[in-house]
Protein backbone atom coordinates (compact mmCIF):
# COMPACT_ATOMS: atom_id res chain seq x y z
CA MET A 1 86.69 -200.20 34.61
CA THR A 2 86.69 -203.91 33.79
CA ASP A 3 87.92 -206.73 36.06
CA ALA A 4 91.14 -206.70 34.02
CA GLY A 5 91.72 -203.04 34.92
CA VAL A 6 90.83 -201.66 31.49
CA THR A 7 88.93 -198.39 31.46
CA VAL A 8 86.01 -198.50 29.05
CA ARG A 9 85.01 -195.13 27.62
CA PRO A 10 81.62 -194.40 26.02
CA GLU A 11 83.18 -194.03 22.56
CA ASP A 12 84.56 -197.58 22.91
CA VAL A 13 81.09 -199.11 23.08
CA ILE A 14 78.67 -196.59 21.53
CA SER A 15 78.57 -195.70 17.85
CA ALA A 16 78.45 -192.09 16.74
CA SER A 17 75.11 -190.42 17.24
CA GLN A 18 72.96 -189.95 14.18
CA PRO A 19 70.14 -187.46 13.81
CA GLY A 20 66.74 -189.11 14.02
CA PRO A 21 63.47 -188.40 12.24
CA VAL A 22 61.86 -184.98 12.51
CA LEU A 23 58.24 -184.25 13.42
CA LEU A 24 57.00 -180.75 12.56
CA VAL A 25 53.88 -179.20 14.07
CA VAL A 26 52.44 -176.26 12.14
CA ASP A 27 49.81 -173.96 13.62
CA CYS A 28 48.19 -171.61 11.11
CA PRO A 29 44.95 -170.30 12.65
CA SER A 30 43.74 -168.36 9.62
CA VAL A 31 44.56 -167.64 5.99
CA GLU A 32 45.94 -164.22 7.00
CA TYR A 33 48.99 -166.02 8.48
CA VAL A 34 49.77 -168.23 5.47
CA GLU A 35 52.29 -166.05 3.62
CA ARG A 36 54.23 -165.15 6.74
CA LEU A 37 54.27 -168.79 7.86
CA VAL A 38 55.40 -170.35 4.59
CA SER A 39 58.05 -167.71 3.86
CA HIS A 40 59.72 -167.96 7.28
CA PRO A 41 63.39 -169.00 6.88
CA GLN A 42 63.18 -171.43 9.81
CA TRP A 43 61.50 -173.97 7.49
CA GLU A 44 64.32 -173.97 4.90
CA PRO A 45 66.32 -176.91 6.34
CA TYR A 46 63.22 -179.12 6.10
CA LEU A 47 62.08 -178.25 2.59
CA ALA A 48 63.28 -179.85 -0.65
CA GLY A 49 67.00 -179.25 -1.05
CA GLY A 50 67.52 -178.43 2.63
CA PRO A 51 69.99 -180.39 4.76
CA ALA A 52 67.25 -182.08 6.83
CA HIS A 53 64.57 -182.51 4.15
CA ASP A 54 64.91 -186.30 4.04
CA ARG A 55 64.56 -186.60 7.84
CA VAL A 56 61.07 -185.07 8.06
CA ALA A 57 58.86 -188.03 8.88
CA CYS A 58 55.60 -186.21 9.54
CA VAL A 59 54.11 -182.73 9.40
CA VAL A 60 51.07 -182.17 11.61
CA HIS A 61 48.96 -179.19 10.60
CA LEU A 62 46.89 -177.54 13.35
CA SER A 63 45.40 -175.21 10.80
CA SER A 64 42.02 -173.90 9.81
CA ALA A 65 40.32 -175.55 6.84
CA GLU A 66 40.56 -172.22 5.02
CA SER A 67 44.33 -172.08 5.56
CA LEU A 68 44.81 -175.67 4.42
CA ALA A 69 42.88 -174.99 1.22
CA ALA A 70 44.84 -171.84 0.33
CA PRO A 71 46.84 -172.38 -2.89
CA ARG A 72 50.03 -170.91 -1.35
CA TYR A 73 49.74 -173.25 1.63
CA GLN A 74 49.20 -176.26 -0.65
CA GLN A 75 52.24 -175.27 -2.72
CA TRP A 76 54.33 -175.02 0.45
CA ILE A 77 53.18 -178.44 1.68
CA SER A 78 54.29 -179.94 -1.63
CA THR A 79 57.88 -178.75 -1.03
CA PHE A 80 58.42 -181.28 1.77
CA HIS A 81 60.09 -184.59 0.90
CA ALA A 82 57.82 -186.97 -1.04
CA SER A 83 57.92 -189.58 1.74
CA THR A 84 56.74 -187.10 4.39
CA LYS A 85 53.39 -187.95 5.93
CA VAL A 86 51.07 -184.97 6.21
CA ARG A 87 48.32 -184.99 8.85
CA SER A 88 45.75 -182.24 9.40
CA VAL A 89 43.89 -181.44 12.56
CA THR A 90 41.32 -178.70 12.02
């Protein structure tokens, strides 16, 4: 409440919340997991055409070198938004 007796509510002084950037961490320990990983429906919002695809700022891959080199894995990585930064930790 102000000195003038006016009650100030949060919506009076704070703008509507907006979703922020998304950071994804992917753990694919071996090539045997690639198909199951990349076909999981949980990724769909973040891939091209998904409702959150333009909010993915970075994808960190905690994956084996063999997994990262797999053609199916590379194809899946390419489906993220073009501005997404991809980092690998092997």
